[in-house]
Amino acid sequence: MSTFRAALRIAARHPIYIGIYLVGLSLMGLLVMTSAVGDATLAEHDSFDARVAIVDRDGSALSRALRDVVAEDGQVVEVGDSEFALQDALATSQADCVVVVPEGFGESFAQAVREGRELPALEMASGTRQDTAALVEAELSSWMRLMGAGMALRPDASVAEVAQDVADASGEHAETRVVADEQASSGADVLGSYLSFSSYALCSSVIVCAGVVFCSLGGRQVRRRTLAGPVPERAVAVGSLAAGVVMALVAWAVVCGVGIAGLMPRLSDLAASQIALATLPMLAYALVPLALAFLLSQLSASEQAINAIGNIFGMVMSFLGGAWVPLDVVGEGVQAAARLCPCFWMTDAIGSALTVSDAARIAADIAIVCLFAAALAAVGMVVGRARRQARSL
């Protein structure tokens, strides 16, 4: 009993691990789920009018038509035709972009149309709103291609007439409307996604918290004092194991409790028995990181190594369990590797509990998860025994 209390005191002296790995990651998972399944509303928005500075060095009918096109969808800003004035307009956000129509642009444009060559380009510069400048450039490029096509089809028409034809053609559009998806996520989808996502919080918190405790109690100096004391070595091991089990139970209760409490309004279509049954695979899964923490303690891992392994192992397990990306969209190799991961069978058991409630399938999945934990614990026992025999020689 003294070892058990000492183990709990060691865990209590690391509140930052409990706060970050257990409480923090559980709340993050809850926030992700509530934001992902929140009610989506379609809001009306006003179009953004680009502020475009046009420097017309050509003065042709084409450059005037181009100016009219920009004025229809944006705002034309008057700036001086000097390098300082143009740079100042962009730097002070007086203009979002600058369009320079070089001298002879209209004539070279018409000649390129007649000869079937590539159309000449405008000189453009963007300011702080490069996205706006890109939209303006795309619009003007499309307009000039249409103008080139119109001038090639109607060689005798004036620039104004071709520009009017382009405007009429651009005004033609298909009738469209936005249809909102009214299909809401069911309680089973929401809870299943949360529990799958929270496997990372459960795994990393148990590995770090239990691993620190096991390594602290298994240190060389502590072990020497234990062997010299009246407490049998078996009692120390049982006390440490009991403390680890308690920490795993607490982590499971916190992870599941935070999710169920936060998502309760969305779980109205689920029975209490379904919710309880869905949490059982998580309880079995908590034994896997507990066994890994025991293995790390037998390897005398440092606290920094335990933190790193806890994070990496938790993320890899949750990924292979389908928490980050659905396994349906990954390759066959990843799907095959996922079946060698305990988180995959935990997720499968949760899905069965929330849908078909197949007791035999759930029991089989939980048994597989427990076998993973037993395998890790067995490896830890073998490693620990080998290290003790090596030290005794």
Protein backbone atom coordinates (compact mmCIF):
# COMPACT_ATOMS: atom_id res chain seq x y z
CA MET A 1 0.00 0.00 0.00
CA SER A 2 2.90 2.38 0.69
CA THR A 3 4.24 1.79 -2.83
CA PHE A 4 0.80 2.48 -4.26
CA ARG A 5 0.53 5.79 -2.40
CA ALA A 6 4.07 6.74 -3.38
CA ALA A 7 3.29 6.07 -7.02
CA LEU A 8 0.23 8.29 -6.91
CA ARG A 9 2.25 11.05 -5.23
CA ILE A 10 4.82 10.83 -8.03
CA ALA A 11 2.06 11.21 -10.62
CA ALA A 12 0.58 14.15 -8.69
CA ARG A 13 3.95 15.93 -8.77
CA HIS A 14 3.64 16.13 -12.58
CA PRO A 15 0.40 18.10 -13.02
CA ILE A 16 1.55 19.56 -16.32
CA TYR A 17 1.45 16.11 -17.91
CA ILE A 18 -2.05 15.50 -16.63
CA GLY A 19 -3.19 18.94 -17.77
CA ILE A 20 -1.71 18.78 -21.25
CA TYR A 21 -1.94 15.15 -22.27
CA LEU A 22 -5.18 14.23 -20.57
CA VAL A 23 -7.36 17.28 -20.02
CA GLY A 24 -5.98 19.48 -22.79
CA LEU A 25 -6.05 16.89 -25.56
CA SER A 26 -9.51 15.69 -24.49
CA LEU A 27 -10.87 19.23 -24.67
CA MET A 28 -9.18 19.70 -28.04
CA GLY A 29 -10.90 16.59 -29.34
CA LEU A 30 -14.22 17.90 -28.05
CA LEU A 31 -13.61 21.27 -29.71
CA VAL A 32 -12.76 19.59 -33.01
CA MET A 33 -15.92 17.51 -32.94
CA THR A 34 -18.24 20.38 -31.98
CA SER A 35 -16.79 22.63 -34.68
CA ALA A 36 -16.80 19.91 -37.31
CA VAL A 37 -20.45 18.96 -36.81
CA GLY A 38 -21.70 22.41 -35.99
CA ASP A 39 -24.68 23.84 -37.81
CA ALA A 40 -23.44 25.31 -41.07
CA THR A 41 -25.19 28.46 -42.21
CA LEU A 42 -24.94 30.11 -45.57
CA ALA A 43 -24.35 33.81 -45.10
CA GLU A 44 -24.62 36.44 -47.79
CA HIS A 45 -21.50 38.42 -48.51
CA ASP A 46 -20.65 41.50 -50.49
CA SER A 47 -18.26 41.24 -53.40
CA PHE A 48 -14.86 42.83 -52.92
CA ASP A 49 -14.16 45.74 -55.28
CA ALA A 50 -10.53 45.75 -56.34
CA ARG A 51 -8.74 49.08 -56.39
CA VAL A 52 -6.85 49.14 -59.69
CA ALA A 53 -4.51 51.89 -60.85
CA ILE A 54 -4.42 52.06 -64.66
CA VAL A 55 -1.57 53.86 -66.38
CA ASP A 56 -2.62 54.33 -70.01
CA ARG A 57 0.45 55.08 -72.11
CA ASP A 58 -1.29 54.02 -75.32
CA GLY A 59 -4.49 56.05 -75.45
CA SER A 60 -6.04 53.66 -77.96
CA ALA A 61 -9.63 52.50 -78.19
CA LEU A 62 -8.55 49.12 -76.76
CA SER A 63 -6.98 50.68 -73.68
CA ARG A 64 -10.12 52.77 -73.09
CA ALA A 65 -12.29 49.65 -73.39
CA LEU A 66 -10.00 47.91 -70.92
CA ARG A 67 -10.43 50.77 -68.48
CA ASP A 68 -14.21 50.49 -68.78
CA VAL A 69 -14.06 46.74 -68.02
CA VAL A 70 -12.05 47.35 -64.84
CA ALA A 71 -14.43 50.12 -63.77
CA GLU A 72 -17.44 47.79 -64.06
CA ASP A 73 -16.18 45.26 -61.50
CA GLY A 74 -13.75 47.34 -59.49
CA GLN A 75 -12.58 50.81 -58.67
CA VAL A 76 -10.16 52.69 -60.90
CA VAL A 77 -7.61 54.70 -58.91
CA GLU A 78 -5.90 57.69 -60.47
CA VAL A 79 -2.13 57.75 -59.88
CA GLY A 80 0.74 59.55 -61.51
CA ASP A 81 2.77 57.95 -64.28
CA SER A 82 6.05 57.80 -62.41
CA GLU A 83 7.96 55.02 -60.70
CA PHE A 84 7.69 56.71 -57.29
CA ALA A 85 3.95 57.35 -57.62
CA LEU A 86 3.24 53.75 -58.61
CA GLN A 87 5.36 52.30 -55.79
CA ASP A 88 3.79 54.67 -53.28
CA ALA A 89 0.26 53.69 -54.37
CA LEU A 90 1.04 50.02 -53.83
CA ALA A 91 2.97 50.51 -50.58
CA THR A 92 0.23 52.61 -48.98
CA SER A 93 -2.54 50.27 -50.23
CA GLN A 94 -4.04 53.11 -52.24
CA ALA A 95 -4.23 50.55 -55.03
CA ASP A 96 -4.31 46.77 -54.85
CA CYS A 97 -2.58 46.44 -58.19
CA VAL A 98 -1.24 48.56 -61.05
CA VAL A 99 -1.98 47.88 -64.71
CA VAL A 100 0.29 49.57 -67.23
CA VAL A 101 -0.88 49.70 -70.85
CA PRO A 102 2.35 50.23 -72.83
CA GLU A 103 2.57 52.55 -75.80
CA GLY A 104 1.44 50.94 -79.04
CA PHE A 105 -0.46 48.19 -77.21
CA GLY A 106 -3.65 48.58 -79.26
CA GLU A 107 -1.82 48.44 -82.58
CA SER A 108 0.36 45.45 -81.61
CA PHE A 109 -2.75 43.69 -80.27
CA ALA A 110 -4.61 44.12 -83.55
CA GLN A 111 -1.58 43.02 -85.57
CA ALA A 112 -1.18 39.89 -83.43
CA VAL A 113 -4.84 39.04 -84.06
CA ARG A 114 -4.43 39.47 -87.82
CA GLU A 115 -1.28 37.33 -87.93
CA GLY A 116 -2.56 34.71 -85.49
CA ARG A 117 0.32 35.27 -83.08
CA GLU A 118 0.30 35.27 -79.28
CA LEU A 119 -1.43 38.34 -77.88
CA PRO A 120 0.75 40.94 -76.12
CA ALA A 121 0.61 41.03 -72.31
CA LEU A 122 -0.06 43.89 -69.98
CA GLU A 123 2.43 45.08 -67.38
CA MET A 124 1.05 44.45 -63.88
CA ALA A 125 2.33 44.89 -60.35
CA SER A 126 0.65 43.83 -57.11
CA GLY A 127 0.65 45.30 -53.64
CA THR A 128 -0.19 43.71 -50.31
CA ARG A 129 -3.33 42.01 -51.69
CA GLN A 130 -1.72 39.61 -54.12
CA ASP A 131 -4.88 37.51 -54.25
CA THR A 132 -6.79 40.52 -55.56
CA ALA A 133 -4.13 41.23 -58.14
CA ALA A 134 -4.30 37.62 -59.30
CA LEU A 135 -8.07 37.87 -59.77
CA VAL A 136 -7.73 41.11 -61.73
CA GLU A 137 -5.02 39.60 -63.91
CA ALA A 138 -7.15 36.53 -64.59
CA GLU A 139 -10.16 38.69 -65.51
CA LEU A 140 -8.19 40.93 -67.86
CA SER A 141 -6.47 37.95 -69.50
CA SER A 142 -9.84 36.33 -70.15
CA TRP A 143 -11.25 39.59 -71.51
CA MET A 144 -8.31 40.09 -73.89
CA ARG A 145 -8.63 36.53 -75.22
CA LEU A 146 -12.31 37.17 -75.90
CA MET A 147 -11.44 40.48 -77.56
CA GLY A 148 -8.87 38.73 -79.75
CA ALA A 149 -11.41 36.09 -80.78
CA GLY A 150 -14.04 38.75 -81.51
CA MET A 151 -11.66 40.85 -83.58
CA ALA A 152 -10.62 37.76 -85.55
CA LEU A 153 -14.28 36.87 -86.25
CA ARG A 154 -15.28 40.45 -87.12
CA PRO A 155 -12.23 42.08 -88.70
CA ASP A 156 -14.25 45.05 -90.02
CA ALA A 157 -15.89 45.87 -86.65
CA SER A 158 -14.59 48.63 -84.40
CA VAL A 159 -13.03 47.97 -81.00
CA ALA A 160 -16.10 49.40 -79.31
CA GLU A 161 -18.39 47.04 -81.21
CA VAL A 162 -16.25 44.01 -80.38
CA ALA A 163 -16.09 45.09 -76.71
CA GLN A 164 -19.89 45.30 -76.66
CA ASP A 165 -20.12 41.79 -78.16
CA VAL A 166 -17.75 40.52 -75.45
CA ALA A 167 -19.83 42.21 -72.76
CA ASP A 168 -23.02 40.66 -74.12
CA ALA A 169 -21.43 37.23 -74.28
CA SER A 170 -20.05 37.59 -70.75
CA GLY A 171 -23.50 38.47 -69.50
CA GLU A 172 -24.86 35.08 -70.54
CA HIS A 173 -24.87 32.66 -67.63
CA ALA A 174 -26.64 29.56 -66.46
CA GLU A 175 -29.13 29.78 -63.64
CA THR A 176 -27.52 28.48 -60.46
CA ARG A 177 -28.48 28.21 -56.83
CA VAL A 178 -26.84 27.01 -53.65
CA VAL A 179 -28.42 24.01 -52.00
CA ALA A 180 -27.55 23.50 -48.34
CA ASP A 181 -26.90 19.98 -47.16
CA GLU A 182 -29.50 19.46 -44.48
CA GLN A 183 -28.23 16.02 -43.53
CA ALA A 184 -27.09 16.26 -39.92
CA SER A 185 -24.50 14.02 -38.33
CA SER A 186 -26.01 11.33 -36.15
CA GLY A 187 -25.05 10.81 -32.54
CA ALA A 188 -23.26 7.60 -33.45
CA ASP A 189 -21.07 9.43 -35.98
CA VAL A 190 -20.24 12.22 -33.55
CA LEU A 191 -19.41 9.98 -30.59
CA GLY A 192 -17.52 7.48 -32.73
CA SER A 193 -15.39 10.24 -34.26
CA TYR A 194 -14.65 11.73 -30.84
CA LEU A 195 -13.65 8.42 -29.28
CA SER A 196 -11.47 7.56 -32.27
CA PHE A 197 -9.80 10.98 -32.19
CA SER A 198 -9.34 10.81 -28.40
CA SER A 199 -7.39 7.58 -28.65
CA TYR A 200 -4.37 9.86 -29.05
CA ALA A 201 -5.11 11.65 -25.76
CA LEU A 202 -5.72 8.37 -23.94
CA CYS A 203 -2.62 6.68 -25.31
CA SER A 204 -0.16 9.54 -24.81
CA SER A 205 -1.42 10.45 -21.32
CA VAL A 206 -1.16 6.88 -20.01
CA ILE A 207 2.29 6.34 -21.51
CA VAL A 208 3.70 9.57 -20.11
CA CYS A 209 2.08 9.54 -16.67
CA ALA A 210 2.47 5.81 -15.98
CA GLY A 211 5.90 5.70 -17.62
CA VAL A 212 7.25 8.46 -15.40
CA VAL A 213 5.92 6.67 -12.30
CA PHE A 214 7.28 3.26 -13.32
CA CYS A 215 10.69 4.65 -14.20
CA SER A 216 10.87 6.60 -10.94
CA LEU A 217 10.06 3.53 -8.85
CA GLY A 218 12.34 1.32 -10.92
CA GLY A 219 15.40 3.53 -10.62
CA ARG A 220 18.63 2.00 -9.41
CA GLN A 221 18.81 3.95 -6.14
CA VAL A 222 15.15 3.33 -5.33
CA ARG A 223 15.59 -0.35 -6.14
CA ARG A 224 18.57 -0.64 -3.82
CA ARG A 225 16.65 0.91 -0.93
CA THR A 226 13.70 -1.35 -1.66
CA LEU A 227 15.85 -4.48 -1.61
CA ALA A 228 17.38 -3.38 1.69
CA GLY A 229 14.00 -2.68 3.26
CA PRO A 230 11.40 -4.99 4.77
CA VAL A 231 8.96 -4.66 1.87
CA PRO A 232 9.12 -7.67 -0.50
CA GLU A 233 9.97 -6.95 -4.12
CA ARG A 234 6.72 -8.55 -5.24
CA ALA A 235 4.73 -6.11 -3.08
CA VAL A 236 6.53 -3.18 -4.71
CA ALA A 237 5.71 -4.52 -8.16
CA VAL A 238 2.06 -5.07 -7.24
CA GLY A 239 1.79 -1.55 -5.79
CA SER A 240 3.33 -0.02 -8.90
CA LEU A 241 1.04 -2.03 -11.16
CA ALA A 242 -2.02 -1.04 -9.13
CA ALA A 243 -1.09 2.63 -9.41
CA GLY A 244 -0.65 2.25 -13.16
CA VAL A 245 -4.05 0.60 -13.51
CA VAL A 246 -5.63 3.42 -11.49
CA MET A 247 -4.01 6.02 -13.77
CA ALA A 248 -5.27 4.18 -16.84
CA LEU A 249 -8.79 4.06 -15.37
CA VAL A 250 -8.67 7.77 -14.55
CA ALA A 251 -7.46 8.62 -18.06
CA TRP A 252 -10.23 6.50 -19.59
CA ALA A 253 -12.86 8.12 -17.35
CA VAL A 254 -11.68 11.65 -18.13
CA VAL A 255 -11.45 11.12 -21.88
CA CYS A 256 -14.85 9.45 -22.14
CA GLY A 257 -16.48 11.72 -19.58
CA VAL A 258 -15.40 14.94 -21.29
CA GLY A 259 -16.68 13.72 -24.63
CA ILE A 260 -20.02 12.39 -23.39
CA ALA A 261 -20.70 15.48 -21.28
CA GLY A 262 -19.75 17.90 -24.05
CA LEU A 263 -21.59 16.05 -26.80
CA MET A 264 -24.65 15.05 -24.80
CA PRO A 265 -27.06 17.34 -26.72
CA ARG A 266 -26.05 15.53 -29.94
CA LEU A 267 -26.35 12.03 -28.47
CA SER A 268 -30.11 12.10 -27.94
CA ASP A 269 -30.64 9.41 -30.57
CA LEU A 270 -28.37 6.96 -28.72
CA ALA A 271 -29.39 4.73 -25.85
CA ALA A 272 -27.40 4.84 -22.63
CA SER A 273 -26.44 1.19 -23.13
CA GLN A 274 -24.96 2.02 -26.55
CA ILE A 275 -22.88 4.85 -25.11
CA ALA A 276 -21.63 2.66 -22.28
CA LEU A 277 -20.84 -0.20 -24.64
CA ALA A 278 -18.90 2.15 -26.94
CA THR A 279 -16.59 3.16 -24.09
CA LEU A 280 -15.57 -0.42 -23.22
CA PRO A 281 -13.11 -0.72 -26.16
CA MET A 282 -11.46 2.47 -24.93
CA LEU A 283 -10.99 0.87 -21.52
CA ALA A 284 -9.34 -2.16 -23.09
CA TYR A 285 -7.20 0.11 -25.27
CA ALA A 286 -5.93 1.95 -22.16
CA LEU A 287 -4.10 -1.26 -21.21
CA VAL A 288 -1.93 -1.04 -24.34
CA PRO A 289 -0.15 2.23 -23.42
CA LEU A 290 0.02 0.99 -19.82
CA ALA A 291 1.91 -2.10 -21.00
CA LEU A 292 4.15 0.05 -23.19
CA ALA A 293 4.91 2.31 -20.20
CA PHE A 294 5.94 -0.80 -18.27
CA LEU A 295 8.21 -1.86 -21.14
CA LEU A 296 9.83 1.60 -21.23
CA SER A 297 10.47 1.43 -17.50
CA GLN A 298 12.22 -1.91 -17.93
CA LEU A 299 14.41 -0.26 -20.57
CA SER A 300 15.21 2.58 -18.12
CA ALA A 301 13.94 5.20 -20.55
CA SER A 302 14.43 8.84 -19.59
CA GLU A 303 11.58 11.25 -19.01
CA GLN A 304 12.31 13.02 -22.31
CA ALA A 305 12.24 9.71 -24.17
CA ILE A 306 8.93 8.77 -22.57
CA ASN A 307 7.39 12.07 -23.69
CA ALA A 308 8.65 11.61 -27.24
CA ILE A 309 7.56 7.99 -27.48
CA GLY A 310 4.18 8.80 -25.95
CA ASN A 311 3.46 11.45 -28.55
CA ILE A 312 4.76 9.49 -31.53
CA PHE A 313 3.14 6.21 -30.52
CA GLY A 314 -0.18 7.93 -29.78
CA MET A 315 -0.26 9.73 -33.13
CA VAL A 316 0.76 6.69 -35.13
CA MET A 317 -1.80 4.48 -33.41
CA SER A 318 -4.62 6.99 -33.88
CA PHE A 319 -3.66 7.46 -37.54
CA LEU A 320 -3.70 3.72 -38.21
CA GLY A 321 -7.01 3.56 -36.36
CA GLY A 322 -8.57 6.00 -38.83
CA ALA A 323 -8.77 9.02 -36.52
CA TRP A 324 -6.97 11.45 -38.83
CA VAL A 325 -7.75 10.04 -42.28
CA PRO A 326 -10.40 7.45 -43.18
CA LEU A 327 -8.73 4.17 -43.99
CA ASP A 328 -10.88 3.85 -47.11
CA VAL A 329 -8.83 6.54 -48.87
CA VAL A 330 -5.35 5.20 -48.05
CA GLY A 331 -3.42 2.53 -49.88
CA GLU A 332 -3.74 -1.19 -49.39
CA GLY A 333 -0.38 -1.33 -47.63
CA VAL A 334 -1.51 1.13 -44.98
CA GLN A 335 -4.78 -0.74 -44.55
CA ALA A 336 -2.87 -3.98 -44.03
CA ALA A 337 -0.57 -2.30 -41.50
CA ALA A 338 -3.58 -0.88 -39.68
CA ARG A 339 -4.79 -4.38 -38.86
CA LEU A 340 -1.58 -4.88 -36.91
CA CYS A 341 -2.49 -1.89 -34.74
CA PRO A 342 -4.65 -2.19 -31.60
CA CYS A 343 -6.33 1.15 -32.32
CA PHE A 344 -7.84 -0.32 -35.50
CA TRP A 345 -9.63 -3.04 -33.53
CA MET A 346 -10.68 -0.54 -30.90
CA THR A 347 -12.24 1.67 -33.59
CA ASP A 348 -13.94 -1.35 -35.14
CA ALA A 349 -15.43 -2.30 -31.77
CA ILE A 350 -16.68 1.26 -31.21
CA GLY A 351 -18.33 1.29 -34.62
CA SER A 352 -20.02 -2.04 -33.91
CA ALA A 353 -21.27 -0.82 -30.54
CA LEU A 354 -22.79 2.33 -32.05
CA THR A 355 -24.40 0.66 -35.07
CA VAL A 356 -25.21 -3.04 -35.15
CA SER A 357 -24.34 -3.78 -31.48
CA ASP A 358 -22.85 -7.16 -32.39
CA ALA A 359 -21.73 -8.47 -29.00
CA ALA A 360 -19.61 -11.28 -30.45
CA ARG A 361 -17.75 -8.94 -32.77
CA ILE A 362 -17.19 -6.38 -30.01
CA ALA A 363 -15.90 -9.06 -27.64
CA ALA A 364 -13.53 -10.37 -30.32
CA ASP A 365 -12.17 -6.89 -31.03
CA ILE A 366 -11.66 -6.19 -27.33
CA ALA A 367 -9.90 -9.53 -26.92
CA ILE A 368 -7.51 -8.65 -29.75
CA VAL A 369 -6.73 -5.30 -28.10
CA CYS A 370 -6.05 -7.06 -24.80
CA LEU A 371 -3.71 -9.48 -26.58
CA PHE A 372 -1.66 -6.53 -27.84
CA ALA A 373 -1.38 -5.27 -24.26
CA ALA A 374 -0.42 -8.74 -23.00
CA ALA A 375 2.25 -9.05 -25.69
CA LEU A 376 3.84 -5.72 -24.74
CA ALA A 377 3.71 -6.61 -21.05
CA ALA A 378 5.32 -9.99 -21.75
CA VAL A 379 8.13 -8.30 -23.67
CA GLY A 380 8.61 -5.91 -20.76
CA MET A 381 8.85 -8.80 -18.31
CA VAL A 382 11.40 -10.59 -20.48
CA VAL A 383 13.49 -7.44 -20.88
CA GLY A 384 13.32 -6.70 -17.16
CA ARG A 385 14.36 -10.20 -16.22
CA ALA A 386 17.26 -10.15 -18.68
CA ARG A 387 18.50 -6.83 -17.32
CA ARG A 388 18.27 -8.03 -13.72
CA GLN A 389 20.23 -11.16 -14.56
CA ALA A 390 22.85 -9.09 -16.37
CA ARG A 391 23.26 -6.81 -13.34
CA SER A 392 23.59 -9.77 -10.97
CA LEU A 393 26.47 -11.28 -12.94
